[in-house]
Protein backbone atom coordinates (compact mmCIF):
# COMPACT_ATOMS: atom_id res chain seq x y z
CA MET A 1 136.34 77.74 80.50
CA THR A 2 135.47 78.17 76.84
CA ALA A 3 134.15 81.17 75.14
CA GLU A 4 130.95 79.42 74.31
CA LYS A 5 130.44 78.76 78.13
CA ARG A 6 131.08 82.30 79.10
CA ALA A 7 129.16 83.26 76.61
CA GLU A 8 126.10 80.89 77.77
CA ILE A 9 126.99 82.23 81.61
CA GLU A 10 126.89 86.11 80.69
CA ALA A 11 123.37 85.71 79.03
CA HIS A 12 122.06 84.00 81.84
CA LYS A 13 123.27 86.70 84.29
CA ALA A 14 122.04 89.38 81.87
CA GLU A 15 118.47 87.60 82.02
CA CYS A 16 118.21 87.56 85.63
CA LEU A 17 119.39 91.10 85.97
CA GLU A 18 116.47 92.18 83.88
CA ARG A 19 114.20 89.82 85.31
CA TYR A 20 115.31 91.53 88.51
CA ARG A 21 114.36 95.36 87.33
CA ALA A 22 111.25 94.58 85.92
CA ALA A 23 110.78 93.15 89.46
CA ILE A 24 111.71 96.31 91.05
CA GLU A 25 110.06 98.39 88.64
CA LEU A 26 106.59 96.65 88.97
CA ALA A 27 106.89 97.09 92.98
CA CYS A 28 107.46 100.75 92.67
CA SER A 29 104.88 100.82 90.35
CA ILE A 30 102.63 99.31 93.27
CA TYR A 31 104.32 101.48 95.36
CA SER A 32 103.50 104.73 93.78
CA GLN A 33 99.77 104.39 93.10
CA ARG A 34 98.78 102.62 96.22
CA ARG A 35 97.25 105.95 97.41
CA ASP A 36 94.78 106.74 93.97
CA LYS A 37 93.69 103.03 94.34
CA GLY A 38 92.18 103.93 98.20
CA ASN A 39 91.18 101.34 100.07
CA GLY A 40 91.10 98.32 97.57
CA TRP A 41 94.97 98.74 96.96
CA CYS A 42 95.83 95.69 98.61
CA MET A 43 93.24 93.56 96.40
CA TRP A 44 94.63 95.38 93.29
CA ALA A 45 97.97 94.96 94.11
CA GLU A 46 97.43 91.23 94.45
CA ARG A 47 96.09 91.40 90.99
CA GLU A 48 98.83 92.94 89.92
CA LEU A 49 101.27 90.59 91.34
CA ALA A 50 99.74 87.84 90.53
CA ALA A 51 99.52 88.67 86.94
CA ARG A 52 103.28 88.57 86.77
CA PRO A 53 104.06 84.89 87.87
CA GLU A 54 107.39 85.27 87.24
CA LEU A 55 108.28 88.60 89.07
CA GLU A 56 105.79 87.80 91.80
CA GLN A 57 108.49 87.00 94.60
CA GLU A 58 110.70 89.27 93.97
CA ALA A 59 108.19 92.01 93.39
CA ARG A 60 106.90 91.37 96.52
CA ALA A 61 110.12 91.48 97.94
CA LYS A 62 110.79 94.64 97.17
CA LEU A 63 107.39 96.03 97.75
CA ASN A 64 107.26 95.05 101.58
CA ARG A 65 110.87 96.74 101.70
CA LEU A 66 109.66 99.70 100.34
CA MET A 67 106.23 99.49 102.64
CA LYS A 68 108.33 99.35 105.55
CA GLY A 69 110.69 102.16 104.63
CA GLN A 70 113.54 100.35 103.70
CA GLY A 71 112.74 100.46 100.04
CA SER A 72 116.48 102.14 98.78
CA GLU A 73 118.70 99.14 97.40
CA SER A 74 121.38 100.99 100.11
CA SER A 75 119.67 100.12 103.24
CA ARG A 76 119.15 95.95 102.18
CA SER A 77 120.76 94.00 104.87
CA ASN A 78 122.52 91.37 102.01
């Protein structure tokens, strides 16, 4: 494999990792603010997720794990 191709792959991996970390940060932020938002927190959370479509799917999955009490990465079954 050429050095250029390896660099391209590494750049893609870094981009994916950054997007994953941003999705986790978004999910944790939403989760931590849910009590402050009161009864309307679900609608607020949906707006927050919709505002970041590039992160929505991964953040929603992480938020669901947090809500089920399985938020730590060590408890992931993958």
